[in-house]
Amino acid sequence: MMPSISQSAVTGIQRGLQQVTNAASNIATPNRNIEPADLVTSIVDLKLGKLQVEASAKVLQVEDQLKGNLLDTRV
């Protein structure tokens, strides 16, 4: 069975939040022996996670609008 649009969007939000959490943890690590390249990678991962959450939230918003439009046309 294929997942619904909302299930896929929620999964995307969860994955994005996990990526943000991991990246933020890497950035905030008290170990200052971190290489600059690793820090840059974590910052990029932080931004990518944020974008994934935003995109997935937009999918939920569009799905809600589509359902509303369908209901309006049926009534």
N, C-alpha and C. Protein backbone atom coordinates (compact mmCIF):
# COMPACT_ATOMS: atom_id res chain seq x y z
N MET A 1 0.84 -1.17 0.00
CA MET A 1 0.00 0.00 0.00
C MET A 1 0.89 1.25 0.00
N MET A 2 0.56 2.21 -0.83
CA MET A 2 1.34 3.44 -0.92
C MET A 2 0.98 4.36 0.24
N PRO A 3 1.98 5.05 0.77
CA PRO A 3 1.67 6.00 1.85
C PRO A 3 0.89 7.19 1.30
N SER A 4 0.09 7.78 2.15
CA SER A 4 -0.68 8.95 1.72
C SER A 4 0.24 10.16 1.63
N ILE A 5 -0.28 11.21 1.03
CA ILE A 5 0.50 12.44 0.91
C ILE A 5 0.86 12.97 2.29
N SER A 6 -0.11 12.96 3.18
CA SER A 6 0.16 13.50 4.52
C SER A 6 1.16 12.64 5.28
N GLN A 7 1.11 11.33 5.10
CA GLN A 7 2.11 10.46 5.75
C GLN A 7 3.50 10.76 5.23
N SER A 8 3.63 10.96 3.94
CA SER A 8 4.93 11.28 3.36
C SER A 8 5.43 12.63 3.86
N ALA A 9 4.53 13.59 3.96
CA ALA A 9 4.91 14.92 4.44
C ALA A 9 5.36 14.86 5.90
N VAL A 10 4.63 14.13 6.72
CA VAL A 10 5.00 14.02 8.13
C VAL A 10 6.35 13.32 8.27
N THR A 11 6.57 12.29 7.47
CA THR A 11 7.87 11.61 7.48
C THR A 11 8.97 12.58 7.08
N GLY A 12 8.71 13.41 6.08
CA GLY A 12 9.68 14.42 5.66
C GLY A 12 9.99 15.41 6.76
N ILE A 13 8.96 15.82 7.49
CA ILE A 13 9.16 16.74 8.61
C ILE A 13 10.01 16.08 9.69
N GLN A 14 9.69 14.83 10.01
CA GLN A 14 10.45 14.12 11.04
C GLN A 14 11.92 13.96 10.64
N ARG A 15 12.16 13.61 9.39
CA ARG A 15 13.55 13.45 8.93
C ARG A 15 14.29 14.78 8.94
N GLY A 16 13.60 15.84 8.52
CA GLY A 16 14.21 17.16 8.53
C GLY A 16 14.56 17.60 9.94
N LEU A 17 13.64 17.37 10.87
CA LEU A 17 13.90 17.73 12.27
C LEU A 17 15.07 16.93 12.84
N GLN A 18 15.14 15.67 12.48
CA GLN A 18 16.26 14.85 12.95
C GLN A 18 17.59 15.36 12.40
N GLN A 19 17.58 15.76 11.13
CA GLN A 19 18.79 16.30 10.51
C GLN A 19 19.20 17.61 11.19
N VAL A 20 18.22 18.45 11.50
CA VAL A 20 18.51 19.71 12.20
C VAL A 20 19.07 19.42 13.59
N THR A 21 18.48 18.47 14.29
CA THR A 21 18.94 18.11 15.63
C THR A 21 20.38 17.60 15.59
N ASN A 22 20.67 16.71 14.65
CA ASN A 22 22.03 16.16 14.54
C ASN A 22 23.04 17.25 14.19
N ALA A 23 22.69 18.11 13.24
CA ALA A 23 23.60 19.17 12.82
C ALA A 23 23.85 20.15 13.96
N ALA A 24 22.78 20.53 14.66
CA ALA A 24 22.92 21.47 15.77
C ALA A 24 23.78 20.87 16.88
N SER A 25 23.61 19.58 17.11
CA SER A 25 24.43 18.91 18.11
C SER A 25 25.90 18.92 17.72
N ASN A 26 26.18 18.67 16.44
CA ASN A 26 27.56 18.69 15.96
C ASN A 26 28.17 20.08 16.09
N ILE A 27 27.37 21.11 15.82
CA ILE A 27 27.86 22.48 15.90
C ILE A 27 28.12 22.88 17.35
N ALA A 28 27.23 22.45 18.24
CA ALA A 28 27.31 22.86 19.64
C ALA A 28 28.22 21.96 20.48
N THR A 29 28.85 20.98 19.89
CA THR A 29 29.71 20.07 20.64
C THR A 29 30.83 20.86 21.30
N PRO A 30 31.05 20.61 22.58
CA PRO A 30 32.10 21.36 23.28
C PRO A 30 33.51 21.02 22.80
N ASN A 31 33.66 19.95 22.04
CA ASN A 31 34.97 19.57 21.52
C ASN A 31 35.38 20.56 20.43
N ARG A 32 36.32 21.38 20.71
CA ARG A 32 36.74 22.40 19.76
C ARG A 32 37.81 21.90 18.80
N ASN A 33 38.06 20.62 18.78
CA ASN A 33 39.00 20.04 17.83
C ASN A 33 38.34 19.73 16.50
N ILE A 34 37.16 20.24 16.32
CA ILE A 34 36.41 19.98 15.10
C ILE A 34 37.08 20.70 13.92
N GLU A 35 37.14 20.03 12.82
CA GLU A 35 37.73 20.61 11.61
C GLU A 35 36.77 21.63 11.01
N PRO A 36 37.30 22.70 10.40
CA PRO A 36 36.41 23.68 9.76
C PRO A 36 35.50 23.06 8.71
N ALA A 37 36.01 22.09 7.97
CA ALA A 37 35.17 21.44 6.94
C ALA A 37 33.99 20.71 7.58
N ASP A 38 34.21 20.09 8.74
CA ASP A 38 33.12 19.41 9.44
C ASP A 38 32.09 20.42 9.95
N LEU A 39 32.57 21.56 10.39
CA LEU A 39 31.66 22.60 10.85
C LEU A 39 30.82 23.13 9.69
N VAL A 40 31.44 23.34 8.56
CA VAL A 40 30.71 23.80 7.38
C VAL A 40 29.68 22.76 6.95
N THR A 41 30.05 21.50 6.97
CA THR A 41 29.12 20.44 6.61
C THR A 41 27.91 20.45 7.55
N SER A 42 28.16 20.64 8.83
CA SER A 42 27.06 20.67 9.80
C SER A 42 26.16 21.87 9.57
N ILE A 43 26.73 23.01 9.22
CA ILE A 43 25.93 24.20 8.95
C ILE A 43 25.06 23.98 7.70
N VAL A 44 25.64 23.36 6.68
CA VAL A 44 24.87 23.05 5.46
C VAL A 44 23.76 22.06 5.79
N ASP A 45 24.07 21.04 6.59
CA ASP A 45 23.05 20.06 7.00
C ASP A 45 21.93 20.73 7.78
N LEU A 46 22.28 21.70 8.61
CA LEU A 46 21.28 22.44 9.37
C LEU A 46 20.31 23.14 8.43
N LYS A 47 20.86 23.80 7.43
CA LYS A 47 20.03 24.52 6.45
C LYS A 47 19.18 23.54 5.63
N LEU A 48 19.77 22.42 5.21
CA LEU A 48 19.03 21.43 4.43
C LEU A 48 17.87 20.84 5.24
N GLY A 49 18.12 20.57 6.50
CA GLY A 49 17.06 20.05 7.36
C GLY A 49 15.92 21.05 7.49
N LYS A 50 16.27 22.32 7.65
CA LYS A 50 15.26 23.38 7.74
C LYS A 50 14.43 23.43 6.46
N LEU A 51 15.11 23.37 5.33
CA LEU A 51 14.38 23.41 4.05
C LEU A 51 13.48 22.20 3.87
N GLN A 52 13.94 21.04 4.33
CA GLN A 52 13.11 19.84 4.22
C GLN A 52 11.84 19.98 5.06
N VAL A 53 11.99 20.51 6.27
CA VAL A 53 10.81 20.72 7.12
C VAL A 53 9.84 21.70 6.46
N GLU A 54 10.38 22.80 5.94
CA GLU A 54 9.53 23.80 5.29
C GLU A 54 8.81 23.22 4.06
N ALA A 55 9.52 22.47 3.26
CA ALA A 55 8.91 21.88 2.06
C ALA A 55 7.83 20.87 2.43
N SER A 56 8.10 20.06 3.43
CA SER A 56 7.12 19.06 3.85
C SER A 56 5.89 19.72 4.46
N ALA A 57 6.09 20.80 5.20
CA ALA A 57 4.97 21.54 5.76
C ALA A 57 4.12 22.15 4.63
N LYS A 58 4.78 22.61 3.59
CA LYS A 58 4.07 23.16 2.44
C LYS A 58 3.22 22.08 1.77
N VAL A 59 3.74 20.86 1.69
CA VAL A 59 2.98 19.74 1.11
C VAL A 59 1.70 19.53 1.91
N LEU A 60 1.80 19.56 3.24
CA LEU A 60 0.61 19.40 4.08
C LEU A 60 -0.39 20.54 3.83
N GLN A 61 0.14 21.74 3.70
CA GLN A 61 -0.72 22.90 3.45
C GLN A 61 -1.46 22.77 2.11
N VAL A 62 -0.75 22.37 1.08
CA VAL A 62 -1.36 22.21 -0.25
C VAL A 62 -2.39 21.08 -0.22
N GLU A 63 -2.06 19.99 0.45
CA GLU A 63 -3.02 18.89 0.55
C GLU A 63 -4.31 19.36 1.23
N ASP A 64 -4.16 20.14 2.29
CA ASP A 64 -5.33 20.66 3.00
C ASP A 64 -6.16 21.56 2.09
N GLN A 65 -5.49 22.39 1.31
CA GLN A 65 -6.21 23.27 0.38
C GLN A 65 -6.94 22.46 -0.69
N LEU A 66 -6.29 21.42 -1.20
CA LEU A 66 -6.92 20.58 -2.22
C LEU A 66 -8.16 19.88 -1.67
N LYS A 67 -8.04 19.38 -0.45
CA LYS A 67 -9.20 18.73 0.17
C LYS A 67 -10.34 19.72 0.34
N GLY A 68 -9.99 20.94 0.74
CA GLY A 68 -11.01 21.98 0.89
C GLY A 68 -11.68 22.29 -0.44
N ASN A 69 -10.90 22.40 -1.50
CA ASN A 69 -11.46 22.65 -2.82
C ASN A 69 -12.36 21.52 -3.28
N LEU A 70 -11.94 20.30 -3.01
CA LEU A 70 -12.78 19.15 -3.39
C LEU A 70 -14.10 19.15 -2.64
N LEU A 71 -14.04 19.48 -1.35
CA LEU A 71 -15.26 19.54 -0.58
C LEU A 71 -16.17 20.67 -1.07
N ASP A 72 -15.56 21.79 -1.43
CA ASP A 72 -16.37 22.92 -1.92
C ASP A 72 -17.08 22.55 -3.22
N THR A 73 -16.44 21.80 -4.08
CA THR A 73 -17.06 21.44 -5.35
C THR A 73 -18.12 20.35 -5.19
N ARG A 74 -17.98 19.54 -4.16
CA ARG A 74 -18.95 18.46 -3.91
C ARG A 74 -20.21 18.98 -3.24
N VAL A 75 -20.12 20.07 -2.55
CA VAL A 75 -21.27 20.60 -1.79
C VAL A 75 -22.12 21.50 -2.62
